[in-house]
Amino acid sequence: MINDFLSYLGLTFKQEGSQLVIDCPQCGKEKHCHIAPETGLWHCKVCSASGNPWRLVETIMPNLDSKGIYQMLKEHGLHKDNQNSTPPKQPNLKLTKNDIRSMTDAEIASVCSAKQISREALLKFAPYAHSREPLMLIPAFEPGNLSKACGWLRCRFDGTPIILGNGTSVKYPIVSGSVHGLFGLKTLMDEQPETIVFAEAWRDALAAISLGYAATASSGGASTWYDAWLPVFKDKNVYIIMDRDAAGVRAATRAA
């Protein structure tokens, strides 16, 4: 259980006695962070950082919202009813109208070239640009409210990872305060296609769109699914396409 969870987080580990050891997610010291396989509790022998699985995800994925963490732990059997059983209330979305502007043709072309996606497909997700930073912003929506994005994903125009304030390198962090939703939802609701591809990530969905399919993806990736999204897929032919790994198989089964 914990082994699969660590692999899902992209952490390499080895067995030392009764515990597992990983590189510390806080200080980065190689193989000095010990994890108890039974509980998932961890402690670094160098910087003394410690915590439970919830805290481990927060440290490694600082921009993943609490609902996403909750779903990830539950999916891996690490959710405890007496700890974090209810996701905390979401903070205010840290993005205002003044932070958003339309993307220029050059910016769209840069993203499409860097990520090998078509312009026509990208525009289905109605992306914007950040007013002060070289970032594309992709809005995610909940079915009950198409007038206001519930969350935003960030991607640099040149496709390179974004360095967060704590020094962590992340390809596509979400804006702080985001709640996970579906990409391209306005297009799906307007076009009402008979068939929808539900993909693991935004680029997967755009690849399907570029081939002529209607597609969407969760802004939380494979770890996030909400039953509130079911009306989007009601009476549709749905293809669920996730990565071919343990986490992807579990996510696809749950969504199905």
Protein backbone atom coordinates (compact mmCIF):
# COMPACT_ATOMS: atom_id res chain seq x y z
CA MET A 1 0.00 0.00 0.00
CA ILE A 2 2.61 2.57 1.07
CA ASN A 3 5.02 1.34 -1.64
CA ASP A 4 2.45 2.03 -4.35
CA PHE A 5 1.71 5.43 -2.82
CA LEU A 6 5.39 6.44 -2.83
CA SER A 7 5.76 5.28 -6.44
CA TYR A 8 2.69 7.32 -7.41
CA LEU A 9 4.35 10.41 -5.89
CA GLY A 10 7.45 9.70 -7.98
CA LEU A 11 9.60 8.86 -4.96
CA THR A 12 12.28 6.17 -5.11
CA PHE A 13 12.73 4.16 -1.92
CA LYS A 14 14.58 1.22 -0.45
CA GLN A 15 14.07 -1.05 2.52
CA GLU A 16 16.22 -0.53 5.62
CA GLY A 17 15.29 -2.93 8.37
CA SER A 18 11.61 -2.50 9.16
CA GLN A 19 11.36 0.92 7.48
CA LEU A 20 11.53 2.47 4.05
CA VAL A 21 13.89 5.33 3.26
CA ILE A 22 13.47 8.09 0.68
CA ASP A 23 15.15 11.37 -0.19
CA CYS A 24 13.80 13.97 2.22
CA PRO A 25 11.00 16.00 0.56
CA GLN A 26 11.95 18.98 2.74
CA CYS A 27 15.76 19.27 2.66
CA GLY A 28 16.48 16.91 -0.25
CA LYS A 29 19.09 14.87 1.63
CA GLU A 30 19.39 11.51 -0.12
CA LYS A 31 17.95 8.46 1.64
CA HIS A 32 17.76 10.08 5.08
CA CYS A 33 13.99 10.21 5.46
CA HIS A 34 12.52 7.13 7.15
CA ILE A 35 8.91 5.98 6.63
CA ALA A 36 6.99 3.45 8.72
CA PRO A 37 5.25 1.09 6.23
CA GLU A 38 2.30 0.43 8.56
CA THR A 39 1.36 4.08 9.24
CA GLY A 40 3.08 6.16 6.56
CA LEU A 41 4.57 8.39 9.28
CA TRP A 42 7.90 9.85 8.15
CA HIS A 43 10.87 11.60 9.73
CA CYS A 44 14.09 13.03 8.30
CA LYS A 45 17.24 12.30 10.31
CA VAL A 46 18.92 15.44 8.96
CA CYS A 47 16.44 18.34 9.05
CA SER A 48 13.93 16.73 11.45
CA ALA A 49 11.02 17.33 9.07
CA SER A 50 8.24 14.85 9.81
CA GLY A 51 4.57 14.15 9.32
CA ASN A 52 1.86 11.79 8.13
CA PRO A 53 1.01 10.89 4.49
CA TRP A 54 -1.17 14.01 4.19
CA ARG A 55 1.79 16.21 5.13
CA LEU A 56 4.04 14.30 2.69
CA VAL A 57 1.71 15.13 -0.21
CA GLU A 58 1.47 18.77 0.94
CA THR A 59 5.27 19.01 0.95
CA ILE A 60 5.80 17.39 -2.45
CA MET A 61 2.75 18.88 -4.19
CA PRO A 62 2.21 22.26 -2.49
CA ASN A 63 -0.38 23.43 -4.99
CA LEU A 64 -2.64 20.39 -4.80
CA ASP A 65 -5.81 21.38 -2.98
CA SER A 66 -7.07 19.57 0.09
CA LYS A 67 -9.82 17.77 -1.83
CA GLY A 68 -7.20 16.35 -4.18
CA ILE A 69 -5.04 15.20 -1.26
CA TYR A 70 -8.07 13.62 0.39
CA GLN A 71 -8.98 11.71 -2.78
CA MET A 72 -5.36 10.59 -3.30
CA LEU A 73 -5.01 9.20 0.22
CA LYS A 74 -8.39 7.50 0.02
CA GLU A 75 -7.48 5.93 -3.31
CA HIS A 76 -4.32 4.44 -1.79
CA GLY A 77 -5.99 3.21 1.39
CA LEU A 78 -4.23 5.80 3.56
CA HIS A 79 -7.29 7.85 4.46
CA LYS A 80 -8.16 7.76 8.15
CA ASP A 81 -11.71 8.56 9.22
CA ASN A 82 -10.49 10.35 12.32
CA GLN A 83 -7.90 12.47 10.49
CA ASN A 84 -8.69 14.84 7.62
CA SER A 85 -11.88 12.91 6.82
CA THR A 86 -13.47 16.14 5.66
CA PRO A 87 -11.39 18.41 3.44
CA PRO A 88 -10.86 21.85 4.99
CA LYS A 89 -12.75 24.81 3.60
CA GLN A 90 -11.09 26.14 0.49
CA PRO A 91 -9.25 29.47 0.78
CA ASN A 92 -10.13 32.34 -1.50
CA LEU A 93 -8.87 31.89 -5.04
CA LYS A 94 -5.70 33.95 -5.36
CA LEU A 95 -6.40 35.23 -8.85
CA THR A 96 -8.33 38.37 -9.75
CA LYS A 97 -9.63 39.83 -13.00
CA ASN A 98 -6.60 42.13 -13.06
CA ASP A 99 -4.33 39.07 -13.15
CA ILE A 100 -5.89 37.72 -16.34
CA ARG A 101 -5.67 38.83 -19.96
CA SER A 102 -6.18 37.31 -23.40
CA MET A 103 -3.31 35.31 -24.87
CA THR A 104 -1.52 36.72 -27.90
CA ASP A 105 -1.08 34.70 -31.07
CA ALA A 106 2.65 34.44 -30.35
CA GLU A 107 2.00 33.09 -26.85
CA ILE A 108 -0.46 30.51 -28.14
CA ALA A 109 2.02 29.45 -30.82
CA SER A 110 4.78 29.13 -28.20
CA VAL A 111 2.73 26.85 -25.96
CA CYS A 112 1.53 24.73 -28.87
CA SER A 113 5.08 24.28 -30.12
CA ALA A 114 6.48 23.47 -26.67
CA LYS A 115 3.73 21.00 -25.83
CA GLN A 116 3.15 19.60 -29.33
CA ILE A 117 -0.56 20.41 -29.38
CA SER A 118 -2.69 22.05 -32.04
CA ARG A 119 -3.93 25.61 -31.77
CA GLU A 120 -7.51 24.55 -32.54
CA ALA A 121 -7.47 21.99 -29.73
CA LEU A 122 -5.96 24.38 -27.18
CA LEU A 123 -8.58 27.04 -27.87
CA LYS A 124 -11.29 24.53 -26.88
CA PHE A 125 -10.03 24.98 -23.31
CA ALA A 126 -10.32 28.81 -23.56
CA PRO A 127 -6.88 29.61 -22.09
CA TYR A 128 -5.83 33.00 -20.77
CA ALA A 129 -2.48 34.59 -19.93
CA HIS A 130 -1.23 35.97 -16.64
CA SER A 131 -0.94 39.76 -16.69
CA ARG A 132 2.50 39.91 -15.08
CA GLU A 133 4.11 36.49 -15.54
CA PRO A 134 4.91 34.43 -18.67
CA LEU A 135 2.18 31.92 -17.88
CA MET A 136 -0.79 30.39 -19.63
CA LEU A 137 -3.81 29.93 -17.36
CA ILE A 138 -6.31 27.16 -18.18
CA PRO A 139 -9.67 27.47 -16.39
CA ALA A 140 -11.50 24.51 -14.87
CA PHE A 141 -15.23 24.54 -14.18
CA GLU A 142 -17.85 22.74 -12.13
CA PRO A 143 -21.03 21.63 -13.98
CA GLY A 144 -23.23 23.75 -11.75
CA ASN A 145 -21.43 27.02 -12.51
CA LEU A 146 -20.07 27.74 -15.97
CA SER A 147 -19.95 31.50 -15.40
CA LYS A 148 -16.91 31.41 -13.12
CA ALA A 149 -13.86 29.16 -13.09
CA CYS A 150 -13.46 27.11 -9.92
CA GLY A 151 -9.74 26.67 -10.50
CA TRP A 152 -6.83 27.45 -12.78
CA LEU A 153 -3.84 25.46 -14.02
CA ARG A 154 -0.60 27.26 -14.84
CA CYS A 155 1.82 26.47 -17.65
CA ARG A 156 4.80 28.49 -18.86
CA PHE A 157 4.67 29.70 -22.45
CA ASP A 158 7.96 27.91 -23.18
CA GLY A 159 6.80 24.68 -21.52
CA THR A 160 9.54 24.61 -18.89
CA PRO A 161 8.68 23.75 -15.26
CA ILE A 162 7.59 26.46 -12.84
CA ILE A 163 9.75 27.04 -9.77
CA LEU A 164 7.58 27.63 -6.72
CA GLY A 165 8.48 29.83 -3.77
CA ASN A 166 9.90 26.90 -1.82
CA GLY A 167 12.18 25.94 -4.72
CA THR A 168 10.04 23.00 -5.87
CA SER A 169 9.93 22.45 -9.64
CA VAL A 170 6.40 21.72 -10.91
CA LYS A 171 5.27 21.40 -14.52
CA TYR A 172 1.66 22.49 -14.12
CA PRO A 173 0.84 23.84 -10.65
CA ILE A 174 -2.66 25.06 -9.93
CA VAL A 175 -3.39 28.55 -8.63
CA SER A 176 -3.62 28.67 -4.85
CA GLY A 177 -7.22 28.41 -3.65
CA SER A 178 -8.38 26.45 -6.71
CA VAL A 179 -11.00 23.72 -6.46
CA HIS A 180 -10.60 20.98 -9.04
CA GLY A 181 -12.97 20.94 -11.98
CA LEU A 182 -13.12 19.89 -15.63
CA PHE A 183 -11.28 21.50 -18.54
CA GLY A 184 -13.16 22.60 -21.64
CA LEU A 185 -16.50 22.17 -19.91
CA LYS A 186 -18.15 25.12 -21.65
CA THR A 187 -17.37 23.60 -25.05
CA LEU A 188 -18.77 20.22 -24.00
CA MET A 189 -21.98 21.74 -22.69
CA ASP A 190 -22.43 23.87 -25.82
CA GLU A 191 -21.67 21.14 -28.35
CA GLN A 192 -23.34 18.21 -26.50
CA PRO A 193 -21.32 15.50 -28.29
CA GLU A 194 -22.56 11.92 -28.26
CA THR A 195 -19.10 10.63 -27.30
CA ILE A 196 -16.68 12.07 -24.72
CA VAL A 197 -13.13 11.06 -23.90
CA PHE A 198 -12.35 11.48 -20.20
CA ALA A 199 -8.56 11.67 -20.06
CA GLU A 200 -6.06 11.70 -17.20
CA ALA A 201 -4.54 15.12 -17.88
CA TRP A 202 -5.09 18.26 -19.92
CA ARG A 203 -2.54 17.40 -22.62
CA ASP A 204 -4.06 13.93 -23.05
CA ALA A 205 -7.47 15.51 -23.56
CA LEU A 206 -6.07 17.99 -26.08
CA ALA A 207 -4.43 15.14 -27.99
CA ALA A 208 -7.85 13.49 -28.29
CA ILE A 209 -9.45 16.79 -29.35
CA SER A 210 -6.80 17.25 -32.04
CA LEU A 211 -7.89 13.89 -33.47
CA GLY A 212 -11.50 15.01 -33.71
CA TYR A 213 -12.90 13.77 -30.39
CA ALA A 214 -14.69 15.73 -27.70
CA ALA A 215 -12.60 15.39 -24.54
CA THR A 216 -12.06 16.68 -21.04
CA ALA A 217 -9.85 16.00 -18.03
CA SER A 218 -9.84 16.75 -14.34
CA SER A 219 -7.58 19.58 -13.20
CA GLY A 220 -6.53 17.22 -10.40
CA GLY A 221 -5.37 14.45 -12.75
CA ALA A 222 -6.01 10.79 -12.03
CA SER A 223 -6.25 11.38 -8.28
CA THR A 224 -9.41 13.48 -8.50
CA TRP A 225 -12.97 12.52 -9.39
CA TYR A 226 -16.19 14.07 -8.02
CA ASP A 227 -19.65 12.56 -8.44
CA ALA A 228 -20.93 16.09 -9.04
CA TRP A 229 -19.41 15.75 -12.52
CA LEU A 230 -21.67 12.85 -13.50
CA PRO A 231 -24.32 15.04 -15.26
CA VAL A 232 -21.70 15.99 -17.86
CA PHE A 233 -21.46 12.35 -18.96
CA LYS A 234 -25.12 11.35 -18.60
CA ASP A 235 -26.41 9.43 -21.65
CA LYS A 236 -23.05 9.78 -23.42
CA ASN A 237 -20.66 7.20 -24.83
CA VAL A 238 -17.62 7.68 -22.59
CA TYR A 239 -14.06 6.50 -23.15
CA ILE A 240 -11.97 6.66 -19.98
CA ILE A 241 -8.29 6.89 -20.85
CA MET A 242 -5.79 7.03 -18.00
CA ASP A 243 -2.09 6.21 -17.76
CA ARG A 244 -1.33 2.49 -17.77
CA ASP A 245 -0.04 2.33 -14.21
CA ALA A 246 -1.57 1.24 -10.91
CA ALA A 247 -2.89 4.70 -10.08
CA GLY A 248 -4.34 5.16 -13.56
CA VAL A 249 -6.11 1.78 -13.46
CA ARG A 250 -7.66 2.60 -10.07
CA ALA A 251 -8.74 6.04 -11.25
CA ALA A 252 -10.28 4.66 -14.45
CA THR A 253 -12.17 1.96 -12.53
CA ARG A 254 -13.54 4.48 -10.06
CA ALA A 255 -14.65 6.88 -12.78
CA ALA A 256 -16.27 4.04 -14.71
